[in-house]
Protein backbone atom coordinates (compact mmCIF):
# COMPACT_ATOMS: atom_id res chain seq x y z
CA MET A 1 0.00 0.00 0.00
CA GLU A 2 2.85 2.36 0.91
CA THR A 3 4.59 1.53 -2.36
CA LYS A 4 1.50 2.46 -4.37
CA LYS A 5 1.26 5.77 -2.55
CA GLU A 6 4.91 6.61 -3.28
CA LEU A 7 4.52 5.62 -6.94
CA ARG A 8 1.47 7.86 -7.20
CA ILE A 9 3.47 10.77 -5.82
CA LEU A 10 6.30 10.04 -8.23
CA PHE A 11 3.85 9.93 -11.15
CA TRP A 12 2.41 13.35 -10.36
CA MET A 13 5.86 14.85 -9.84
CA ILE A 14 6.98 13.59 -13.26
CA ALA A 15 3.72 14.67 -14.93
CA ILE A 16 3.88 18.21 -13.54
CA PHE A 17 7.59 18.51 -14.36
CA ALA A 18 7.00 17.31 -17.93
CA MET A 19 4.11 19.74 -18.39
CA VAL A 20 6.24 22.68 -17.24
CA PHE A 21 9.34 21.49 -19.13
CA PHE A 22 7.52 21.21 -22.46
CA LEU A 23 5.27 24.25 -21.96
CA PRO A 24 4.94 25.85 -25.42
CA LEU A 25 5.39 29.45 -24.31
CA GLY A 26 6.02 30.57 -27.87
CA SER A 27 2.72 29.14 -29.07
CA GLU A 28 0.27 31.81 -30.17
CA ARG A 29 -2.67 29.52 -29.37
CA LEU A 30 -1.49 29.06 -25.77
CA MET A 31 -1.00 32.80 -25.24
CA THR A 32 -4.44 33.50 -26.71
CA ALA A 33 -5.98 30.85 -24.46
CA ILE A 34 -4.41 32.49 -21.39
CA ASP A 35 -5.86 35.85 -22.47
CA ALA A 36 -9.26 34.19 -22.90
CA THR A 37 -9.01 32.67 -19.41
CA LEU A 38 -8.29 36.02 -17.76
CA ASP A 39 -10.92 37.82 -19.83
CA LEU A 40 -13.70 35.35 -19.03
CA SER A 41 -12.74 35.25 -15.34
CA LYS A 42 -12.86 39.06 -15.07
CA TRP A 43 -16.21 39.21 -16.86
CA TYR A 44 -17.79 36.62 -14.57
CA ALA A 45 -16.40 38.34 -11.48
CA GLN A 46 -17.88 41.69 -12.52
CA GLU A 47 -21.15 40.53 -14.00
CA HIS A 48 -22.32 37.52 -12.01
CA VAL A 49 -20.63 36.87 -8.68
CA VAL A 50 -21.97 39.79 -6.64
CA MET A 51 -25.37 40.24 -8.26
CA CYS A 52 -26.19 36.56 -8.79
CA LEU A 53 -24.21 34.30 -6.50
CA LEU A 54 -24.18 36.20 -3.21
CA PRO A 55 -27.99 36.61 -2.99
CA ALA A 56 -28.38 32.98 -4.09
CA PHE A 57 -26.28 31.77 -1.17
CA PHE A 58 -28.64 33.46 1.28
CA ILE A 59 -31.65 32.02 -0.54
CA ALA A 60 -30.14 28.55 -0.22
CA GLY A 61 -29.54 29.30 3.46
CA VAL A 62 -33.26 30.02 3.96
CA ILE A 63 -34.07 26.56 2.63
CA ALA A 64 -31.43 24.91 4.79
CA VAL A 65 -32.29 26.68 8.05
CA PHE A 66 -35.81 28.10 8.16
CA ILE A 67 -37.70 25.35 6.31
CA SER A 68 -37.65 22.25 8.51
CA GLN A 69 -36.79 18.88 7.07
CA GLY A 70 -40.04 17.47 8.39
CA ALA A 71 -42.04 20.09 6.53
CA VAL A 72 -40.25 19.13 3.31
CA LEU A 73 -40.58 15.39 3.81
CA LYS A 74 -44.32 15.46 4.33
CA TYR A 75 -44.76 16.41 0.68
CA PHE A 76 -42.81 13.36 -0.50
CA GLY A 77 -44.14 10.72 1.89
CA ALA A 78 -46.37 7.80 1.00
CA ASN A 79 -49.41 9.52 2.50
CA ALA A 80 -49.08 12.58 0.28
CA LYS A 81 -51.16 12.88 -2.86
CA LYS A 82 -49.22 11.87 -5.95
CA TRP A 83 -49.92 15.06 -7.87
CA LEU A 84 -48.66 17.05 -4.90
CA SER A 85 -45.51 15.02 -4.30
CA TYR A 86 -44.49 15.05 -7.97
CA THR A 87 -45.24 18.75 -8.32
CA VAL A 88 -43.17 19.64 -5.26
CA ALA A 89 -40.35 17.36 -6.39
CA ALA A 90 -40.35 18.75 -9.93
CA VAL A 91 -40.13 22.39 -8.93
CA SER A 92 -37.80 21.84 -5.97
CA GLY A 93 -34.82 22.66 -8.14
CA ALA A 94 -36.08 26.21 -8.51
CA ILE A 95 -35.41 26.82 -4.82
CA LEU A 96 -32.22 24.82 -4.41
CA ALA A 97 -28.69 25.83 -5.32
CA VAL A 98 -27.11 22.39 -5.34
CA CYS A 99 -25.00 20.27 -7.65
CA SER A 100 -25.31 16.59 -8.54
CA CYS A 101 -23.35 15.64 -5.41
CA THR A 102 -24.84 18.11 -2.93
CA ILE A 103 -28.35 16.79 -3.65
CA LEU A 104 -27.33 13.27 -2.59
CA PRO A 105 -27.70 13.66 1.22
CA LEU A 106 -31.15 15.18 0.72
CA PHE A 107 -32.17 12.42 -1.68
CA THR A 108 -30.80 9.70 0.61
CA SER A 109 -32.67 11.10 3.60
CA ILE A 110 -35.95 11.43 1.71
CA TYR A 111 -35.67 7.98 0.12
CA LYS A 112 -34.71 6.14 3.32
CA ARG A 113 -37.45 7.84 5.34
CA GLY A 114 -40.08 6.34 3.09
CA ALA A 115 -40.59 8.65 0.15
CA GLY A 116 -41.87 6.93 -2.96
CA LEU A 117 -39.32 6.02 -5.61
CA GLY A 118 -41.00 8.22 -8.23
CA PRO A 119 -41.07 11.49 -6.22
CA ALA A 120 -37.60 10.78 -4.82
CA ILE A 121 -36.19 10.33 -8.34
CA ALA A 122 -38.00 13.47 -9.51
CA PHE A 123 -36.40 15.35 -6.62
CA LEU A 124 -32.99 13.80 -7.35
CA TYR A 125 -33.12 14.98 -10.97
CA SER A 126 -34.77 18.35 -10.48
CA GLY A 127 -32.59 19.45 -7.54
CA PRO A 128 -29.37 20.05 -9.50
CA ALA A 129 -30.97 20.29 -12.96
CA ILE A 130 -32.54 23.69 -12.57
CA SER A 131 -32.48 26.52 -10.07
CA ILE A 132 -33.52 30.14 -10.06
CA LEU A 133 -29.94 31.22 -10.47
CA SER A 134 -29.21 28.79 -13.31
CA ILE A 135 -32.38 29.92 -15.08
CA ILE A 136 -31.22 33.54 -14.90
CA LEU A 137 -27.67 32.75 -16.02
CA THR A 138 -28.80 30.46 -18.85
CA TRP A 139 -31.36 33.00 -19.97
CA ARG A 140 -28.94 35.95 -19.81
CA ILE A 141 -25.87 34.24 -21.25
CA LEU A 142 -27.20 31.55 -23.60
CA GLY A 143 -30.42 33.25 -24.72
CA THR A 144 -34.10 33.28 -23.86
CA GLU A 145 -34.97 30.21 -25.95
CA MET A 146 -32.30 28.09 -24.28
CA GLY A 147 -33.32 29.30 -20.82
CA VAL A 148 -36.99 28.50 -21.38
CA ALA A 149 -36.18 25.14 -22.99
CA ARG A 150 -33.96 24.18 -20.08
CA MET A 151 -36.59 25.16 -17.50
CA ILE A 152 -39.43 23.28 -19.22
CA GLY A 153 -37.23 20.30 -20.04
CA ALA A 154 -35.94 19.92 -16.49
CA VAL A 155 -39.42 20.03 -14.94
CA LEU A 156 -40.90 17.59 -17.47
CA PHE A 157 -37.88 15.28 -17.24
CA SER A 158 -38.15 14.97 -13.49
CA VAL A 159 -41.83 14.01 -13.61
CA VAL A 160 -41.58 11.65 -16.59
CA ILE A 161 -38.46 9.87 -15.32
CA GLY A 162 -39.99 9.57 -11.84
CA LEU A 163 -43.21 8.11 -13.23
CA ILE A 164 -41.34 5.63 -15.43
CA MET A 165 -39.17 4.49 -12.52
CA ALA A 166 -42.24 4.10 -10.28
CA PHE A 167 -43.98 2.05 -12.99
CA ILE A 168 -41.01 -0.23 -13.61
CA TYR A 169 -40.64 -0.98 -9.89
CA ARG A 170 -44.34 -0.78 -9.01
CA LYS A 171 -44.33 -4.11 -7.14
CA GLU A 172 -41.55 -3.00 -4.81
CA GLU A 173 -43.28 0.34 -4.28
CA LYS A 174 -46.54 -1.36 -3.36
CA VAL A 175 -44.81 -3.45 -0.68
CA LYS A 176 -42.95 -0.40 0.56
CA LYS A 177 -46.14 1.60 0.89
CA GLU A 178 -47.85 -1.16 2.85
CA GLU A 179 -44.92 -1.46 5.27
CA GLN A 180 -44.25 2.22 5.65
CA MET A 181 -44.83 3.85 8.98
CA ASN A 182 -46.45 7.25 9.27
CA ILE A 183 -44.01 10.10 9.63
CA THR A 184 -44.77 12.54 12.43
CA VAL A 185 -43.89 16.04 11.27
CA PRO A 186 -42.61 18.28 14.10
CA PRO A 187 -44.36 21.64 14.48
CA ALA A 188 -42.78 24.52 12.58
CA LYS A 189 -41.16 27.34 14.52
CA ARG A 190 -43.17 29.97 12.64
CA PRO A 191 -46.09 29.89 10.16
CA MET A 192 -45.02 28.68 6.73
CA SER A 193 -46.57 31.83 5.20
CA GLN A 194 -44.02 33.99 7.02
CA THR A 195 -41.10 31.83 5.89
CA MET A 196 -42.36 31.88 2.31
CA PHE A 197 -42.73 35.68 2.39
CA HIS A 198 -39.14 36.01 3.55
CA PHE A 199 -37.98 33.51 0.93
CA PHE A 200 -39.80 34.97 -2.07
CA ILE A 201 -38.76 38.54 -1.25
CA LEU A 202 -35.15 37.37 -1.55
CA VAL A 203 -35.95 35.54 -4.79
CA LEU A 204 -37.58 38.63 -6.32
CA ILE A 205 -34.60 40.80 -5.34
CA LEU A 206 -32.35 38.33 -7.15
CA VAL A 207 -34.60 38.31 -10.22
CA PHE A 208 -34.99 42.07 -10.64
CA ALA A 209 -31.39 42.91 -9.76
CA ASN A 210 -30.38 40.71 -12.70
CA TRP A 211 -33.17 41.79 -15.06
CA GLY A 212 -31.48 42.08 -18.44
CA ALA A 213 -32.00 44.58 -21.20
CA PRO A 214 -34.43 43.55 -23.96
CA ALA A 215 -32.87 42.13 -27.09
CA VAL A 216 -34.76 44.63 -29.22
CA ASP A 217 -34.95 48.26 -28.17
CA ASP A 218 -38.73 48.37 -28.03
CA THR A 219 -39.60 51.14 -25.58
CA SER A 220 -43.26 50.08 -25.51
CA SER A 221 -42.67 46.54 -24.27
CA VAL A 222 -43.26 45.42 -20.68
CA TRP A 223 -39.76 43.93 -20.66
CA TYR A 224 -38.22 47.34 -21.45
CA TYR A 225 -40.41 49.04 -18.83
CA LEU A 226 -39.29 46.59 -16.13
CA PHE A 227 -35.67 46.96 -17.21
CA THR A 228 -35.91 50.77 -17.03
CA TYR A 229 -37.31 50.71 -13.50
CA LYS A 230 -35.60 47.56 -12.24
CA TRP A 231 -33.58 49.35 -9.57
CA HIS A 232 -36.67 51.18 -8.30
CA ILE A 233 -38.43 47.81 -8.01
CA THR A 234 -35.39 46.26 -6.36
CA GLY A 235 -35.30 49.14 -3.87
CA VAL A 236 -38.95 48.60 -2.89
CA LEU A 237 -38.29 44.88 -2.49
CA ALA A 238 -35.27 45.68 -0.31
CA LEU A 239 -37.52 47.72 2.01
CA LEU A 240 -39.93 44.77 2.21
CA PHE A 241 -36.98 42.56 3.04
CA ALA A 242 -36.00 44.95 5.84
CA TYR A 243 -39.55 44.67 7.16
CA SER A 244 -39.23 40.89 7.05
CA LEU A 245 -36.03 41.02 9.09
CA ILE A 246 -37.80 43.02 11.79
CA ALA A 247 -41.25 41.43 11.79
CA ILE A 248 -40.41 37.79 11.02
CA LEU A 249 -36.83 37.21 12.13
CA LYS A 250 -37.18 39.62 15.08
CA ILE A 251 -33.85 41.35 14.47
CA LYS A 252 -33.47 44.66 16.32
CA TRP A 253 -35.13 47.38 14.30
CA GLN A 254 -32.30 49.81 15.07
CA TRP A 255 -29.83 47.46 13.39
CA VAL A 256 -32.05 47.01 10.35
CA ILE A 257 -32.63 50.75 9.93
CA ALA A 258 -28.90 51.37 10.22
CA GLY A 259 -28.29 48.74 7.52
CA VAL A 260 -30.87 50.36 5.23
CA VAL A 261 -29.34 53.82 5.69
CA VAL A 262 -25.78 52.61 5.06
CA THR A 263 -26.83 50.63 1.98
CA ALA A 264 -28.84 53.53 0.53
CA GLY A 265 -25.94 55.89 1.22
CA SER A 266 -23.51 53.60 -0.56
CA ALA A 267 -25.85 53.47 -3.57
CA ALA A 268 -25.93 57.30 -3.71
CA LEU A 269 -22.15 57.57 -3.45
CA ALA A 270 -21.62 54.88 -6.06
CA SER A 271 -23.88 56.68 -8.54
CA LEU A 272 -21.83 59.87 -8.04
CA PHE A 273 -18.30 58.49 -8.18
CA ILE A 274 -18.55 55.35 -10.34
CA SER A 275 -19.32 56.18 -13.96
CA ASN A 276 -19.62 52.58 -15.16
CA PRO A 277 -23.36 51.69 -14.91
CA LYS A 278 -22.52 47.99 -14.60
CA LEU A 279 -20.16 48.40 -11.65
CA ALA A 280 -22.05 51.02 -9.63
CA PRO A 281 -24.86 48.65 -8.43
CA LEU A 282 -22.24 46.24 -7.07
CA VAL A 283 -21.40 48.64 -4.23
CA PRO A 284 -24.82 48.75 -2.50
CA MET A 285 -25.25 45.01 -3.06
CA VAL A 286 -21.97 44.26 -1.28
CA VAL A 287 -22.73 46.78 1.49
CA GLY A 288 -26.25 45.38 1.93
CA ILE A 289 -25.00 41.79 2.16
CA ALA A 290 -22.26 42.80 4.59
CA SER A 291 -24.84 44.62 6.76
CA LEU A 292 -27.16 41.60 6.68
CA SER A 293 -24.30 39.30 7.64
CA LEU A 294 -23.27 41.46 10.59
CA MET A 295 -26.76 41.88 12.03
CA THR A 296 -27.55 38.16 11.77
CA LEU A 297 -24.18 37.00 13.13
CA LEU A 298 -24.42 39.36 16.10
CA ASP A 299 -28.08 38.64 16.82
CA LYS A 300 -28.48 36.83 20.15
CA HIS A 301 -32.28 36.69 20.10
CA ASP A 302 -32.58 33.73 17.74
CA PRO A 303 -29.66 31.36 16.98
CA GLU A 304 -31.30 30.45 13.63
CA ASN A 305 -30.51 33.93 12.31
CA ARG A 306 -26.80 33.36 12.88
CA GLU A 307 -27.09 29.86 11.45
CA TRP A 308 -28.69 31.33 8.32
CA THR A 309 -25.63 33.41 7.48
CA LEU A 310 -23.28 30.58 8.41
CA SER A 311 -25.24 28.30 6.08
CA ALA A 312 -24.92 30.87 3.27
CA TRP A 313 -21.18 30.97 3.97
CA GLY A 314 -21.11 27.20 3.74
CA PHE A 315 -22.67 27.32 0.29
CA ALA A 316 -20.18 29.99 -0.74
CA LYS A 317 -17.20 27.88 0.37
CA GLN A 318 -18.60 24.89 -1.46
CA ILE A 319 -19.60 26.52 -4.73
CA MET A 320 -17.23 29.43 -5.31
CA PRO A 321 -14.00 27.42 -5.71
CA LEU A 322 -15.70 24.95 -8.06
CA LEU A 323 -17.26 27.76 -10.08
CA ALA A 324 -13.87 29.46 -10.35
CA ILE A 325 -12.34 26.22 -11.61
CA GLY A 326 -15.16 25.84 -14.13
CA VAL A 327 -14.78 29.39 -15.45
CA VAL A 328 -10.99 29.14 -15.72
CA THR A 329 -11.22 25.73 -17.42
CA ALA A 330 -13.86 26.97 -19.86
CA GLY A 331 -11.85 30.07 -20.72
CA PHE A 332 -8.60 28.18 -21.29
CA LEU A 333 -10.03 25.28 -23.27
CA LEU A 334 -12.95 26.91 -25.06
CA GLY A 335 -12.26 30.64 -25.11
CA SER A 336 -14.16 33.74 -23.98
CA THR A 337 -17.22 35.05 -25.77
CA HIS A 338 -19.33 37.87 -24.32
CA ASP A 339 -20.38 41.45 -25.06
CA ASN A 340 -19.11 41.30 -28.66
CA THR A 341 -15.79 39.88 -27.41
CA ALA A 342 -14.47 36.62 -28.87
CA ILE A 343 -11.11 35.14 -27.84
CA ALA A 344 -10.27 31.59 -28.88
CA GLY A 345 -9.26 28.85 -26.44
CA VAL A 346 -6.67 26.11 -26.76
CA ILE A 347 -9.07 23.54 -28.32
CA PRO A 348 -9.54 24.11 -32.06
CA ASN A 349 -13.08 25.00 -33.06
CA GLU A 350 -13.11 22.31 -35.72
CA TRP A 351 -12.73 19.56 -33.10
CA ILE A 352 -15.81 20.74 -31.26
CA ALA A 353 -17.74 21.25 -34.47
CA TRP A 354 -16.90 17.67 -35.46
CA ALA A 355 -18.01 16.10 -32.13
CA VAL A 356 -21.10 18.13 -31.20
CA GLY A 357 -21.69 20.39 -34.19
CA GLY A 358 -24.94 20.33 -36.09
CA ASN A 359 -27.97 18.48 -34.82
CA SER A 360 -27.46 14.81 -35.62
CA LEU A 361 -28.58 11.96 -33.38
CA LEU A 362 -24.91 11.08 -32.76
CA SER A 363 -23.94 14.61 -31.71
CA ASN A 364 -26.87 14.86 -29.29
CA PHE A 365 -26.12 11.42 -27.85
CA PHE A 366 -22.43 12.27 -27.49
CA ALA A 367 -23.29 15.47 -25.60
CA SER A 368 -25.77 13.65 -23.33
CA PHE A 369 -23.49 10.69 -22.63
CA THR A 370 -20.32 12.64 -21.90
CA GLY A 371 -22.27 15.21 -19.87
CA ALA A 372 -23.76 12.46 -17.71
CA PHE A 373 -20.31 11.31 -16.56
CA MET A 374 -18.72 14.74 -16.19
CA TYR A 375 -18.99 16.66 -12.93
CA PHE A 376 -20.55 20.11 -13.21
CA ALA A 377 -20.46 22.25 -10.10
CA THR A 378 -23.49 24.50 -9.72
CA LEU A 379 -23.54 27.06 -12.57
CA THR A 380 -20.28 25.91 -14.17
CA GLU A 381 -22.23 24.35 -17.03
CA VAL A 382 -23.22 27.83 -18.26
CA PRO A 383 -19.73 29.19 -19.04
CA ILE A 384 -18.66 25.80 -20.38
CA ILE A 385 -21.58 25.59 -22.80
CA GLN A 386 -21.13 29.25 -23.70
CA GLY A 387 -17.62 28.42 -24.84
CA LEU A 388 -18.76 25.27 -26.64
CA LEU A 389 -21.42 27.18 -28.57
CA ALA A 390 -18.88 29.79 -29.60
CA SER A 391 -16.59 26.97 -30.75
CA GLY A 392 -19.14 25.32 -33.03
CA MET A 393 -21.43 23.26 -30.80
CA GLY A 394 -24.99 22.91 -32.09
CA LYS A 395 -27.90 24.27 -30.06
CA GLY A 396 -29.50 20.82 -29.81
CA PRO A 397 -26.43 19.16 -28.26
CA ALA A 398 -26.04 22.22 -26.00
CA LEU A 399 -29.52 21.66 -24.57
CA ALA A 400 -28.84 17.92 -24.29
CA LEU A 401 -25.72 18.68 -22.25
CA LEU A 402 -27.66 21.13 -20.07
CA LEU A 403 -30.33 18.52 -19.32
CA ALA A 404 -27.98 15.59 -18.67
CA GLY A 405 -24.80 17.16 -17.29
CA PRO A 406 -25.74 19.05 -14.11
CA SER A 407 -28.00 16.26 -12.80
CA LEU A 408 -25.55 13.40 -13.20
CA SER A 409 -21.87 12.73 -12.63
CA LEU A 410 -19.75 9.68 -11.97
CA PRO A 411 -19.52 10.40 -8.20
CA ASN A 412 -23.28 10.96 -8.19
CA MET A 413 -23.89 7.58 -9.83
CA LEU A 414 -21.68 5.74 -7.34
CA VAL A 415 -23.58 7.17 -4.37
CA ILE A 416 -27.00 6.52 -5.95
CA ARG A 417 -25.95 2.91 -6.55
CA GLY A 418 -25.21 2.53 -2.84
CA VAL A 419 -28.66 3.91 -1.95
CA MET A 420 -30.98 2.13 -4.36
CA GLY A 421 -28.89 -0.54 -6.07
CA THR A 422 -27.10 -1.07 -9.36
CA GLN A 423 -30.14 -1.92 -11.48
CA LYS A 424 -32.19 1.14 -10.52
CA THR A 425 -29.14 3.37 -11.02
CA ILE A 426 -28.50 2.02 -14.52
CA VAL A 427 -32.17 2.47 -15.45
CA TYR A 428 -32.19 6.04 -14.10
CA VAL A 429 -28.99 7.06 -15.90
CA THR A 430 -30.17 5.48 -19.14
CA LEU A 431 -33.50 7.32 -18.99
CA VAL A 432 -31.74 10.66 -18.45
CA ILE A 433 -29.37 10.12 -21.39
CA ILE A 434 -32.15 8.96 -23.74
CA MET A 435 -34.50 11.83 -22.87
CA ALA A 436 -31.73 14.42 -23.08
CA THR A 437 -30.73 13.10 -26.51
CA ILE A 438 -34.30 13.23 -27.82
CA SER A 439 -34.92 16.69 -26.36
CA GLY A 440 -31.75 18.06 -27.91
CA LEU A 441 -32.65 16.59 -31.28
CA VAL A 442 -36.15 18.13 -31.19
CA TYR A 443 -34.90 21.50 -29.94
CA GLY A 444 -32.14 21.66 -32.54
CA THR A 445 -34.66 20.94 -35.29
CA PHE A 446 -36.76 24.01 -34.43
CA PHE A 447 -34.04 26.40 -33.26
């Protein structure tokens, strides 16, 4: 065993030395790829981290802390109505910011506590397949059609795959239902209506803060009207959020008012001294999040408030490094394409065009199959597919990769196999790949 460990160390030492020794510094393609990496990283840092990711971490924290596990499980249990359990499972991804591995503890808990196979599978697929943040990023970066197709496809996939799995293993499910014990749901700390108000205010702030400009400059459209007044709407929502902190979370009103004043002041100063309209809104967002973090961490009235921010920090530690790796990898391999900027990566465009270009059955299957075994951290699929599209990938295979990649990975498959067995895992993975392939082929035909 010790010998294997030493040989492994020797291998990596030789591999890293060889990579550095033969580094083609004079290669124009390599230098261009490095430029693309830095360009894409800077763009993501300025455009998406503060406005998208930071609010999303706090939204995920609300789910983890304020919504009890018992309250979630009651919608998936054997006593729940099927239409309700599948609906909740299918849309659960919209309120979760998890990847194909982070969803596994939740799935394992739900499945082992007696949830039906169908709803549990729907939850397993939907959790990492789609989220509010991924909808916004896909919609803003890859286009409205791709964003809508991904949202509809993920919801339908989760239900259809869950129903098929439940039908295939209907005999086992019948026995399981007969043997299942009733689950006693502990009482919630506060009315669910209050928790949902707090949650959806945060969601709406995220949505309107990232409301993009209309593709066509039509001043009469509702889209243009909302874009014009998006910061006014966001400001009103922020005041409602402040009310929620006082009335629902019981944080000292003096602290909340101080946070509102400081955040509003930072917004005024930013508008005066920062001329770039894209960078100015980042200041009040950072100040507001910092104020929220301080008042919740210092609050001694309710330990859940402190736990909320710590949970958001946990999501940040988990997701940010993986997202950074995904962005850097996408920029280096596939290039940087945004805001009329196009810098090539190290992989030739013709290779990508050959593998996943066009809209053939083979290209869609290749995208679905390879995506199923790759690991996509939350949101990393967006910059990767952005680079692939710029390098010649067809829109059909792009959607197929979006529908198969984030929900599956090799680590994900290994854990699922340990929970529900090899046969069910193979059936589940096969269904995802087949449906992603068909969906990509249909989408590519029309778009």
